[in-house]
N, C-alpha and C. Protein backbone atom coordinates (compact mmCIF):
# COMPACT_ATOMS: atom_id res chain seq x y z
N MET A 1 -112.95 -164.67 -131.23
CA MET A 1 -111.96 -163.95 -130.45
C MET A 1 -110.87 -164.93 -130.05
N GLN A 2 -109.63 -164.50 -130.18
CA GLN A 2 -108.50 -165.35 -129.82
C GLN A 2 -107.63 -164.60 -128.83
N ILE A 3 -107.25 -165.27 -127.73
CA ILE A 3 -106.32 -164.72 -126.75
C ILE A 3 -105.00 -165.46 -126.91
N LEU A 4 -103.94 -164.70 -127.14
CA LEU A 4 -102.59 -165.26 -127.22
C LEU A 4 -101.74 -164.60 -126.14
N THR A 5 -100.72 -165.32 -125.66
CA THR A 5 -99.87 -164.76 -124.62
C THR A 5 -98.42 -164.72 -125.06
N ASP A 6 -97.70 -163.79 -124.48
CA ASP A 6 -96.27 -163.64 -124.60
C ASP A 6 -95.79 -163.68 -126.05
N GLU A 7 -94.81 -164.54 -126.37
CA GLU A 7 -94.20 -164.54 -127.71
C GLU A 7 -95.21 -164.75 -128.84
N PRO A 8 -96.15 -165.71 -128.73
CA PRO A 8 -97.14 -165.84 -129.81
C PRO A 8 -97.99 -164.58 -130.00
N ALA A 9 -98.28 -163.88 -128.91
CA ALA A 9 -99.03 -162.62 -129.02
C ALA A 9 -98.21 -161.57 -129.74
N LEU A 10 -96.94 -161.46 -129.37
CA LEU A 10 -96.07 -160.50 -130.04
C LEU A 10 -95.91 -160.80 -131.52
N ALA A 11 -95.84 -162.09 -131.85
CA ALA A 11 -95.67 -162.48 -133.25
C ALA A 11 -96.87 -162.08 -134.11
N ARG A 12 -98.02 -161.92 -133.49
CA ARG A 12 -99.26 -161.61 -134.22
C ARG A 12 -99.50 -160.11 -134.37
N THR A 13 -98.73 -159.30 -133.64
CA THR A 13 -98.95 -157.85 -133.66
C THR A 13 -97.61 -157.14 -133.79
N SER A 14 -97.63 -155.84 -133.68
CA SER A 14 -96.41 -155.04 -133.78
C SER A 14 -96.46 -153.91 -132.76
N ARG A 15 -95.32 -153.33 -132.50
CA ARG A 15 -95.27 -152.19 -131.57
C ARG A 15 -96.17 -151.05 -132.05
N PRO A 16 -96.12 -150.68 -133.34
CA PRO A 16 -97.02 -149.60 -133.78
C PRO A 16 -98.51 -149.95 -133.56
N GLU A 17 -98.89 -151.20 -133.77
CA GLU A 17 -100.29 -151.59 -133.53
C GLU A 17 -100.64 -151.48 -132.05
N ILE A 18 -99.72 -151.89 -131.19
CA ILE A 18 -99.96 -151.78 -129.75
C ILE A 18 -100.10 -150.32 -129.35
N CYS A 19 -99.22 -149.47 -129.87
CA CYS A 19 -99.31 -148.04 -129.57
C CYS A 19 -100.61 -147.42 -130.10
N ALA A 20 -101.03 -147.81 -131.30
CA ALA A 20 -102.28 -147.30 -131.87
C ALA A 20 -103.48 -147.74 -131.03
N LEU A 21 -103.47 -148.99 -130.59
CA LEU A 21 -104.56 -149.47 -129.73
C LEU A 21 -104.57 -148.70 -128.42
N THR A 22 -103.39 -148.49 -127.83
CA THR A 22 -103.30 -147.75 -126.57
C THR A 22 -103.80 -146.33 -126.76
N ALA A 23 -103.45 -145.70 -127.86
CA ALA A 23 -103.93 -144.34 -128.14
C ALA A 23 -105.45 -144.31 -128.22
N ALA A 24 -106.04 -145.26 -128.93
CA ALA A 24 -107.50 -145.31 -129.05
C ALA A 24 -108.15 -145.59 -127.70
N ALA A 25 -107.56 -146.51 -126.93
CA ALA A 25 -108.14 -146.90 -125.63
C ALA A 25 -108.06 -145.77 -124.61
N THR A 26 -107.02 -144.96 -124.70
CA THR A 26 -106.84 -143.91 -123.69
C THR A 26 -107.38 -142.54 -124.10
N GLU A 27 -107.73 -142.39 -125.37
CA GLU A 27 -108.15 -141.08 -125.88
C GLU A 27 -109.25 -140.45 -125.03
N GLN A 28 -110.32 -141.18 -124.78
CA GLN A 28 -111.40 -140.64 -123.96
C GLN A 28 -111.23 -140.97 -122.49
N ALA A 29 -110.81 -142.19 -122.20
CA ALA A 29 -110.74 -142.65 -120.81
C ALA A 29 -109.75 -141.84 -119.98
N PHE A 30 -108.67 -141.39 -120.59
CA PHE A 30 -107.65 -140.67 -119.83
C PHE A 30 -107.82 -139.15 -119.94
N SER A 31 -108.76 -138.69 -120.75
CA SER A 31 -108.92 -137.26 -121.02
C SER A 31 -109.80 -136.58 -119.99
N ALA A 32 -109.51 -135.32 -119.77
CA ALA A 32 -110.35 -134.45 -118.94
C ALA A 32 -109.97 -133.01 -119.30
N ASP A 33 -110.95 -132.13 -119.32
CA ASP A 33 -110.71 -130.73 -119.69
C ASP A 33 -109.74 -130.03 -118.74
N TRP A 34 -109.69 -130.50 -117.51
CA TRP A 34 -108.90 -129.82 -116.49
C TRP A 34 -107.44 -130.27 -116.42
N LEU A 35 -107.03 -131.21 -117.26
CA LEU A 35 -105.65 -131.70 -117.22
C LEU A 35 -104.66 -130.63 -117.65
N SER A 36 -103.56 -130.54 -116.93
CA SER A 36 -102.50 -129.58 -117.25
C SER A 36 -101.67 -130.10 -118.43
N PRO A 37 -100.84 -129.24 -119.03
CA PRO A 37 -99.95 -129.72 -120.09
C PRO A 37 -99.05 -130.88 -119.64
N ASP A 38 -98.55 -130.84 -118.41
CA ASP A 38 -97.72 -131.93 -117.90
C ASP A 38 -98.52 -133.23 -117.78
N GLN A 39 -99.77 -133.12 -117.36
CA GLN A 39 -100.61 -134.31 -117.24
C GLN A 39 -100.95 -134.87 -118.62
N LEU A 40 -101.21 -134.00 -119.57
CA LEU A 40 -101.47 -134.47 -120.94
C LEU A 40 -100.22 -135.17 -121.50
N ALA A 41 -99.06 -134.63 -121.20
CA ALA A 41 -97.81 -135.26 -121.64
C ALA A 41 -97.63 -136.63 -121.00
N ALA A 42 -98.02 -136.75 -119.73
CA ALA A 42 -97.92 -138.05 -119.05
C ALA A 42 -98.83 -139.07 -119.72
N ASN A 43 -100.01 -138.66 -120.14
CA ASN A 43 -100.91 -139.57 -120.86
C ASN A 43 -100.33 -139.97 -122.21
N ARG A 44 -99.72 -139.03 -122.92
CA ARG A 44 -99.08 -139.35 -124.21
C ARG A 44 -97.91 -140.31 -124.01
N ARG A 45 -97.23 -140.18 -122.89
CA ARG A 45 -96.09 -141.07 -122.60
C ARG A 45 -96.57 -142.52 -122.49
N ILE A 46 -97.74 -142.73 -121.93
CA ILE A 46 -98.29 -144.10 -121.81
C ILE A 46 -98.42 -144.71 -123.21
N VAL A 47 -98.92 -143.94 -124.14
CA VAL A 47 -99.05 -144.42 -125.52
C VAL A 47 -97.66 -144.72 -126.08
N ALA A 48 -96.73 -143.81 -125.88
CA ALA A 48 -95.39 -143.94 -126.46
C ALA A 48 -94.64 -145.17 -125.95
N ILE A 49 -94.85 -145.53 -124.69
CA ILE A 49 -94.10 -146.67 -124.11
C ILE A 49 -94.84 -147.99 -124.22
N SER A 50 -96.07 -147.98 -124.70
CA SER A 50 -96.89 -149.20 -124.66
C SER A 50 -96.31 -150.35 -125.49
N GLY A 51 -95.80 -150.08 -126.66
CA GLY A 51 -95.25 -151.14 -127.50
C GLY A 51 -94.04 -151.79 -126.86
N GLU A 52 -93.13 -150.97 -126.37
CA GLU A 52 -91.93 -151.49 -125.71
C GLU A 52 -92.28 -152.21 -124.40
N THR A 53 -93.24 -151.68 -123.66
CA THR A 53 -93.67 -152.30 -122.41
C THR A 53 -94.25 -153.68 -122.67
N ALA A 54 -95.06 -153.80 -123.71
CA ALA A 54 -95.63 -155.11 -124.07
C ALA A 54 -94.54 -156.08 -124.44
N ARG A 55 -93.57 -155.64 -125.25
CA ARG A 55 -92.47 -156.51 -125.64
C ARG A 55 -91.68 -156.96 -124.42
N ASP A 56 -91.36 -156.02 -123.54
CA ASP A 56 -90.61 -156.37 -122.33
C ASP A 56 -91.39 -157.37 -121.47
N ALA A 57 -92.69 -157.16 -121.34
CA ALA A 57 -93.51 -158.06 -120.52
C ALA A 57 -93.53 -159.46 -121.10
N ALA A 58 -93.62 -159.56 -122.42
CA ALA A 58 -93.70 -160.87 -123.07
C ALA A 58 -92.41 -161.67 -122.89
N CYS A 59 -91.32 -160.99 -122.63
CA CYS A 59 -90.01 -161.65 -122.50
C CYS A 59 -89.57 -161.82 -121.04
N ASP A 60 -90.41 -161.44 -120.10
CA ASP A 60 -90.05 -161.46 -118.68
C ASP A 60 -90.85 -162.55 -117.97
N PRO A 61 -90.21 -163.50 -117.30
CA PRO A 61 -90.95 -164.58 -116.64
C PRO A 61 -91.83 -164.10 -115.48
N ASP A 62 -91.60 -162.87 -115.00
CA ASP A 62 -92.42 -162.32 -113.92
C ASP A 62 -93.53 -161.42 -114.44
N ARG A 63 -93.74 -161.44 -115.76
CA ARG A 63 -94.80 -160.63 -116.36
C ARG A 63 -95.50 -161.45 -117.43
N LEU A 64 -96.75 -161.13 -117.63
CA LEU A 64 -97.55 -161.76 -118.69
C LEU A 64 -98.06 -160.68 -119.63
N PHE A 65 -97.90 -160.90 -120.91
CA PHE A 65 -98.53 -160.08 -121.94
C PHE A 65 -99.54 -160.98 -122.63
N ALA A 66 -100.81 -160.63 -122.53
CA ALA A 66 -101.87 -161.38 -123.21
C ALA A 66 -102.62 -160.41 -124.11
N ALA A 67 -102.87 -160.83 -125.34
CA ALA A 67 -103.52 -159.96 -126.32
C ALA A 67 -104.73 -160.66 -126.91
N ALA A 68 -105.77 -159.86 -127.17
CA ALA A 68 -107.01 -160.35 -127.78
C ALA A 68 -107.04 -159.90 -129.24
N PHE A 69 -107.37 -160.85 -130.10
CA PHE A 69 -107.43 -160.58 -131.53
C PHE A 69 -108.79 -160.97 -132.06
N ASP A 70 -109.36 -160.11 -132.87
CA ASP A 70 -110.50 -160.45 -133.70
C ASP A 70 -109.84 -160.63 -135.08
N GLU A 71 -110.06 -159.74 -135.99
CA GLU A 71 -109.24 -159.75 -137.21
C GLU A 71 -107.98 -158.92 -136.99
N ARG A 72 -107.97 -158.17 -135.91
CA ARG A 72 -106.85 -157.30 -135.55
C ARG A 72 -106.70 -157.32 -134.04
N LEU A 73 -105.66 -156.68 -133.55
CA LEU A 73 -105.47 -156.52 -132.12
C LEU A 73 -106.60 -155.65 -131.57
N VAL A 74 -107.32 -156.14 -130.56
CA VAL A 74 -108.44 -155.38 -130.00
C VAL A 74 -108.27 -155.08 -128.51
N GLY A 75 -107.26 -155.68 -127.88
CA GLY A 75 -107.02 -155.40 -126.48
C GLY A 75 -105.82 -156.18 -125.96
N PHE A 76 -105.32 -155.74 -124.81
CA PHE A 76 -104.23 -156.48 -124.17
C PHE A 76 -104.22 -156.21 -122.68
N VAL A 77 -103.59 -157.12 -121.96
CA VAL A 77 -103.39 -157.00 -120.52
C VAL A 77 -101.94 -157.35 -120.22
N ILE A 78 -101.39 -156.68 -119.24
CA ILE A 78 -100.07 -157.02 -118.70
C ILE A 78 -100.24 -157.21 -117.21
N SER A 79 -99.82 -158.37 -116.73
CA SER A 79 -99.83 -158.67 -115.30
C SER A 79 -98.38 -158.80 -114.84
N THR A 80 -98.11 -158.33 -113.61
CA THR A 80 -96.74 -158.29 -113.12
C THR A 80 -96.64 -158.87 -111.71
N ARG A 81 -95.66 -159.75 -111.53
CA ARG A 81 -95.32 -160.26 -110.19
C ARG A 81 -94.09 -159.49 -109.72
N HIS A 82 -94.32 -158.45 -108.92
CA HIS A 82 -93.20 -157.68 -108.37
C HIS A 82 -92.52 -158.45 -107.25
N GLY A 83 -93.30 -159.28 -106.57
CA GLY A 83 -92.82 -160.10 -105.45
C GLY A 83 -93.92 -161.07 -105.09
N PRO A 84 -93.66 -161.98 -104.12
CA PRO A 84 -94.65 -163.02 -103.80
C PRO A 84 -96.03 -162.47 -103.41
N LEU A 85 -96.08 -161.36 -102.71
CA LEU A 85 -97.36 -160.76 -102.32
C LEU A 85 -97.54 -159.37 -102.91
N ASP A 86 -96.86 -159.10 -103.99
CA ASP A 86 -96.94 -157.81 -104.66
C ASP A 86 -97.28 -158.08 -106.13
N LEU A 87 -98.57 -158.36 -106.36
CA LEU A 87 -99.07 -158.77 -107.67
C LEU A 87 -99.94 -157.66 -108.26
N GLU A 88 -99.60 -157.24 -109.47
CA GLU A 88 -100.28 -156.10 -110.07
C GLU A 88 -100.89 -156.46 -111.42
N LEU A 89 -102.13 -156.07 -111.60
CA LEU A 89 -102.72 -156.05 -112.93
C LEU A 89 -102.27 -154.70 -113.49
N ASP A 90 -101.25 -154.74 -114.31
CA ASP A 90 -100.46 -153.56 -114.65
C ASP A 90 -101.10 -152.72 -115.77
N TRP A 91 -101.54 -153.33 -116.85
CA TRP A 91 -102.16 -152.63 -117.97
C TRP A 91 -103.39 -153.42 -118.41
N LEU A 92 -104.44 -152.74 -118.75
CA LEU A 92 -105.59 -153.35 -119.42
C LEU A 92 -106.11 -152.32 -120.42
N MET A 93 -105.93 -152.63 -121.69
CA MET A 93 -106.32 -151.71 -122.76
C MET A 93 -107.24 -152.45 -123.73
N VAL A 94 -108.38 -151.84 -124.03
CA VAL A 94 -109.33 -152.41 -124.99
C VAL A 94 -109.74 -151.30 -125.95
N HIS A 95 -109.73 -151.61 -127.24
CA HIS A 95 -110.16 -150.63 -128.23
C HIS A 95 -111.62 -150.26 -127.96
N PRO A 96 -111.98 -148.97 -128.04
CA PRO A 96 -113.35 -148.55 -127.75
C PRO A 96 -114.41 -149.25 -128.60
N ASP A 97 -114.07 -149.67 -129.82
CA ASP A 97 -115.02 -150.40 -130.65
C ASP A 97 -115.43 -151.72 -130.01
N TYR A 98 -114.66 -152.20 -129.05
CA TYR A 98 -114.91 -153.50 -128.41
C TYR A 98 -115.36 -153.37 -126.96
N HIS A 99 -115.65 -152.13 -126.51
CA HIS A 99 -116.20 -151.97 -125.17
C HIS A 99 -117.56 -152.66 -125.11
N GLY A 100 -117.80 -153.37 -124.05
CA GLY A 100 -119.06 -154.08 -123.87
C GLY A 100 -119.16 -155.40 -124.62
N SER A 101 -118.08 -155.82 -125.28
CA SER A 101 -118.12 -157.04 -126.09
C SER A 101 -117.65 -158.27 -125.34
N GLY A 102 -117.12 -158.09 -124.13
CA GLY A 102 -116.57 -159.20 -123.36
C GLY A 102 -115.06 -159.34 -123.47
N VAL A 103 -114.43 -158.53 -124.34
CA VAL A 103 -112.97 -158.59 -124.49
C VAL A 103 -112.28 -158.25 -123.18
N ALA A 104 -112.69 -157.18 -122.53
CA ALA A 104 -112.05 -156.77 -121.27
C ALA A 104 -112.19 -157.86 -120.22
N THR A 105 -113.34 -158.51 -120.17
CA THR A 105 -113.55 -159.59 -119.20
C THR A 105 -112.60 -160.76 -119.50
N LEU A 106 -112.47 -161.14 -120.76
CA LEU A 106 -111.55 -162.23 -121.12
C LEU A 106 -110.12 -161.89 -120.73
N LEU A 107 -109.70 -160.66 -121.02
CA LEU A 107 -108.34 -160.25 -120.68
C LEU A 107 -108.14 -160.17 -119.17
N MET A 108 -109.13 -159.65 -118.47
CA MET A 108 -109.04 -159.55 -117.01
C MET A 108 -108.92 -160.94 -116.40
N GLU A 109 -109.75 -161.85 -116.85
CA GLU A 109 -109.70 -163.23 -116.34
C GLU A 109 -108.36 -163.89 -116.65
N THR A 110 -107.81 -163.62 -117.82
CA THR A 110 -106.50 -164.17 -118.18
C THR A 110 -105.41 -163.62 -117.26
N GLY A 111 -105.42 -162.32 -117.07
CA GLY A 111 -104.41 -161.69 -116.20
C GLY A 111 -104.51 -162.14 -114.76
N LEU A 112 -105.73 -162.23 -114.24
CA LEU A 112 -105.92 -162.66 -112.85
C LEU A 112 -105.58 -164.14 -112.66
N ALA A 113 -105.92 -164.97 -113.63
CA ALA A 113 -105.60 -166.40 -113.53
C ALA A 113 -104.09 -166.59 -113.49
N TRP A 114 -103.36 -165.83 -114.30
CA TRP A 114 -101.90 -165.94 -114.32
C TRP A 114 -101.30 -165.50 -112.98
N LEU A 115 -101.85 -164.44 -112.40
CA LEU A 115 -101.35 -163.96 -111.10
C LEU A 115 -101.73 -164.92 -109.98
N GLY A 116 -102.86 -165.59 -110.11
CA GLY A 116 -103.34 -166.52 -109.09
C GLY A 116 -104.55 -165.95 -108.37
N ARG A 117 -105.68 -166.57 -108.56
CA ARG A 117 -106.92 -166.07 -107.94
C ARG A 117 -106.87 -166.10 -106.42
N GLU A 118 -106.00 -166.94 -105.87
CA GLU A 118 -105.92 -167.07 -104.42
C GLU A 118 -105.04 -165.99 -103.79
N GLN A 119 -104.51 -165.08 -104.62
CA GLN A 119 -103.59 -164.05 -104.15
C GLN A 119 -104.26 -162.67 -104.16
N PRO A 120 -103.80 -161.79 -103.25
CA PRO A 120 -104.26 -160.40 -103.34
C PRO A 120 -103.61 -159.74 -104.55
N VAL A 121 -104.36 -158.91 -105.24
CA VAL A 121 -103.88 -158.24 -106.46
C VAL A 121 -104.25 -156.77 -106.35
N TRP A 122 -103.42 -155.91 -106.91
CA TRP A 122 -103.72 -154.49 -106.94
C TRP A 122 -103.56 -153.95 -108.35
N LEU A 123 -104.10 -152.75 -108.56
CA LEU A 123 -103.97 -152.07 -109.84
C LEU A 123 -104.07 -150.57 -109.62
N ASN A 124 -103.62 -149.82 -110.60
CA ASN A 124 -103.78 -148.37 -110.65
C ASN A 124 -104.88 -148.05 -111.65
N VAL A 125 -105.65 -147.04 -111.35
CA VAL A 125 -106.66 -146.57 -112.30
C VAL A 125 -106.75 -145.05 -112.18
N ILE A 126 -106.86 -144.39 -113.31
CA ILE A 126 -107.01 -142.94 -113.30
C ILE A 126 -108.32 -142.60 -112.58
N ARG A 127 -108.25 -141.66 -111.66
CA ARG A 127 -109.39 -141.34 -110.79
C ARG A 127 -110.66 -140.94 -111.54
N HIS A 128 -110.52 -140.32 -112.68
CA HIS A 128 -111.72 -139.88 -113.40
C HIS A 128 -112.19 -140.91 -114.43
N ASN A 129 -111.58 -142.09 -114.45
CA ASN A 129 -111.99 -143.15 -115.39
C ASN A 129 -113.06 -144.02 -114.70
N GLU A 130 -114.26 -143.46 -114.59
CA GLU A 130 -115.35 -144.11 -113.87
C GLU A 130 -115.75 -145.44 -114.48
N ARG A 131 -115.70 -145.53 -115.79
CA ARG A 131 -116.05 -146.79 -116.46
C ARG A 131 -115.12 -147.92 -116.00
N ALA A 132 -113.81 -147.65 -115.98
CA ALA A 132 -112.84 -148.65 -115.54
C ALA A 132 -113.03 -148.99 -114.06
N ILE A 133 -113.28 -148.00 -113.24
CA ILE A 133 -113.48 -148.25 -111.80
C ILE A 133 -114.68 -149.18 -111.59
N ARG A 134 -115.77 -148.93 -112.30
CA ARG A 134 -116.94 -149.82 -112.20
C ARG A 134 -116.60 -151.23 -112.69
N PHE A 135 -115.87 -151.31 -113.79
CA PHE A 135 -115.49 -152.61 -114.34
C PHE A 135 -114.64 -153.39 -113.34
N TYR A 136 -113.62 -152.77 -112.79
CA TYR A 136 -112.76 -153.46 -111.82
C TYR A 136 -113.54 -153.88 -110.58
N GLY A 137 -114.51 -153.07 -110.20
CA GLY A 137 -115.35 -153.43 -109.06
C GLY A 137 -116.09 -154.74 -109.27
N LYS A 138 -116.45 -155.05 -110.51
CA LYS A 138 -117.14 -156.32 -110.81
C LYS A 138 -116.24 -157.52 -110.54
N PHE A 139 -114.93 -157.29 -110.46
CA PHE A 139 -113.97 -158.36 -110.19
C PHE A 139 -113.49 -158.34 -108.75
N GLY A 140 -114.18 -157.58 -107.90
CA GLY A 140 -113.85 -157.56 -106.48
C GLY A 140 -112.82 -156.52 -106.08
N PHE A 141 -112.41 -155.65 -107.01
CA PHE A 141 -111.45 -154.61 -106.66
C PHE A 141 -112.18 -153.46 -105.96
N GLU A 142 -111.54 -152.94 -104.93
CA GLU A 142 -112.06 -151.79 -104.20
C GLU A 142 -110.98 -150.74 -104.07
N ILE A 143 -111.39 -149.49 -104.06
CA ILE A 143 -110.44 -148.39 -103.92
C ILE A 143 -109.82 -148.44 -102.53
N ASP A 144 -108.52 -148.34 -102.47
CA ASP A 144 -107.79 -148.26 -101.21
C ASP A 144 -107.62 -146.77 -100.91
N ALA A 145 -108.45 -146.27 -100.00
CA ALA A 145 -108.46 -144.83 -99.71
C ALA A 145 -107.16 -144.34 -99.08
N ASP A 146 -106.38 -145.24 -98.52
CA ASP A 146 -105.14 -144.85 -97.85
C ASP A 146 -103.93 -144.84 -98.79
N ALA A 147 -104.04 -145.46 -99.94
CA ALA A 147 -102.89 -145.60 -100.84
C ALA A 147 -102.68 -144.31 -101.64
N ARG A 148 -101.44 -144.00 -101.89
CA ARG A 148 -101.07 -142.82 -102.67
C ARG A 148 -100.15 -143.22 -103.81
N THR A 149 -100.20 -142.47 -104.90
CA THR A 149 -99.30 -142.70 -106.02
C THR A 149 -98.60 -141.39 -106.35
N SER A 150 -97.59 -141.47 -107.17
CA SER A 150 -96.86 -140.27 -107.59
C SER A 150 -97.14 -139.92 -109.04
N HIS A 151 -98.19 -140.47 -109.62
CA HIS A 151 -98.52 -140.20 -111.02
C HIS A 151 -98.89 -138.72 -111.23
N ALA A 152 -98.55 -138.20 -112.38
CA ALA A 152 -98.89 -136.82 -112.71
C ALA A 152 -100.41 -136.64 -112.76
N VAL A 153 -101.11 -137.62 -113.32
CA VAL A 153 -102.57 -137.60 -113.37
C VAL A 153 -103.05 -138.39 -112.15
N PRO A 154 -103.96 -137.84 -111.35
CA PRO A 154 -104.38 -138.54 -110.13
C PRO A 154 -104.93 -139.95 -110.41
N HIS A 155 -104.45 -140.90 -109.63
CA HIS A 155 -104.83 -142.31 -109.73
C HIS A 155 -105.38 -142.79 -108.39
N PHE A 156 -106.18 -143.83 -108.45
CA PHE A 156 -106.53 -144.63 -107.29
C PHE A 156 -105.74 -145.92 -107.39
N ILE A 157 -105.43 -146.49 -106.25
CA ILE A 157 -105.00 -147.88 -106.20
C ILE A 157 -106.22 -148.66 -105.76
N MET A 158 -106.51 -149.71 -106.51
CA MET A 158 -107.62 -150.60 -106.16
C MET A 158 -107.03 -151.96 -105.82
N ARG A 159 -107.63 -152.62 -104.85
CA ARG A 159 -107.14 -153.92 -104.40
C ARG A 159 -108.25 -154.96 -104.47
N ARG A 160 -107.84 -156.18 -104.77
CA ARG A 160 -108.75 -157.32 -104.73
C ARG A 160 -108.16 -158.32 -103.76
N MET A 161 -108.97 -158.70 -102.80
CA MET A 161 -108.53 -159.68 -101.81
C MET A 161 -108.54 -161.06 -102.45
N PRO A 162 -107.81 -162.00 -101.86
CA PRO A 162 -107.78 -163.36 -102.42
C PRO A 162 -109.17 -163.97 -102.50
N MET A 163 -109.33 -164.84 -103.47
CA MET A 163 -110.59 -165.57 -103.60
C MET A 163 -110.41 -166.95 -103.00
N THR A 164 -111.40 -167.39 -102.24
CA THR A 164 -111.36 -168.73 -101.67
C THR A 164 -111.85 -169.72 -102.71
N VAL A 165 -111.80 -170.99 -102.39
CA VAL A 165 -112.25 -172.03 -103.31
C VAL A 165 -113.70 -171.81 -103.72
N SER A 166 -114.53 -171.33 -102.80
CA SER A 166 -115.94 -171.12 -103.11
C SER A 166 -116.17 -169.89 -103.97
N GLY A 167 -115.12 -169.06 -104.16
CA GLY A 167 -115.26 -167.88 -105.00
C GLY A 167 -115.55 -166.62 -104.22
N SER A 168 -115.73 -166.71 -102.90
CA SER A 168 -115.98 -165.51 -102.11
C SER A 168 -114.64 -164.95 -101.64
N SER A 169 -114.69 -163.73 -101.19
CA SER A 169 -113.46 -163.10 -100.71
C SER A 169 -112.92 -163.84 -99.52
N GLY A 170 -111.62 -163.85 -99.42
CA GLY A 170 -110.95 -164.52 -98.32
C GLY A 170 -111.02 -163.71 -97.05
N PRO A 171 -110.21 -164.07 -96.06
CA PRO A 171 -110.23 -163.37 -94.78
C PRO A 171 -109.84 -161.92 -94.94
N ALA A 172 -110.34 -161.10 -94.04
CA ALA A 172 -110.05 -159.67 -94.09
C ALA A 172 -108.61 -159.44 -93.64
N MET A 173 -107.72 -159.37 -94.58
CA MET A 173 -106.33 -159.09 -94.29
C MET A 173 -105.88 -157.95 -95.16
N ARG A 174 -104.95 -157.18 -94.68
CA ARG A 174 -104.47 -156.05 -95.46
C ARG A 174 -103.25 -156.50 -96.26
N PRO A 175 -103.29 -156.33 -97.59
CA PRO A 175 -102.13 -156.68 -98.40
C PRO A 175 -100.94 -155.79 -98.06
N ALA A 176 -99.78 -156.23 -98.48
CA ALA A 176 -98.58 -155.44 -98.30
C ALA A 176 -98.76 -154.07 -98.95
N PRO A 177 -98.14 -153.04 -98.39
CA PRO A 177 -98.27 -151.72 -99.00
C PRO A 177 -97.73 -151.72 -100.42
N VAL A 178 -98.34 -150.92 -101.24
CA VAL A 178 -97.90 -150.80 -102.63
C VAL A 178 -96.83 -149.72 -102.69
N PRO A 179 -95.67 -150.05 -103.26
CA PRO A 179 -94.67 -149.01 -103.41
C PRO A 179 -95.15 -147.92 -104.37
N VAL A 180 -94.74 -146.70 -104.14
CA VAL A 180 -95.09 -145.61 -105.05
C VAL A 180 -94.27 -145.80 -106.31
N ARG A 181 -94.94 -145.90 -107.46
CA ARG A 181 -94.24 -146.10 -108.74
C ARG A 181 -94.45 -144.90 -109.61
């Protein structure tokens, strides 16, 4: 498994490959029988913008695009520094063939290391994506019951408090509010 970041990652893949990976990664995880046509369209939009979003992230000093390759692209993460205390693990996509293989853990660790383990970090997750919620919980993320989003498909905001040198959670402090995106 090889992890590449930013320009070298982009050089190894293409926008269509990123979109295809995003489609495969979201097909089951983002699906639910009860989704409205507008919500289904919102999920398709994620696939449609994924290639351009990855390219933009790779070229932005406040964002990281990291991609995992086996013989092909198998996953990617985008981390974003919106501000000094507004750090987001923005995208984490792994092809279903690689679920449980450690790819998501490698990408998560790469994204969090770039943001800074000593900083509070937040992320969005689709409320019915229980597998992702459990996975993020392993990294210290917890659902912020007070946070709201404006996404068409219901999301939770999950937060991870800073890690101290010993690896335990830092002091109980509330991170800055997350703007509605």
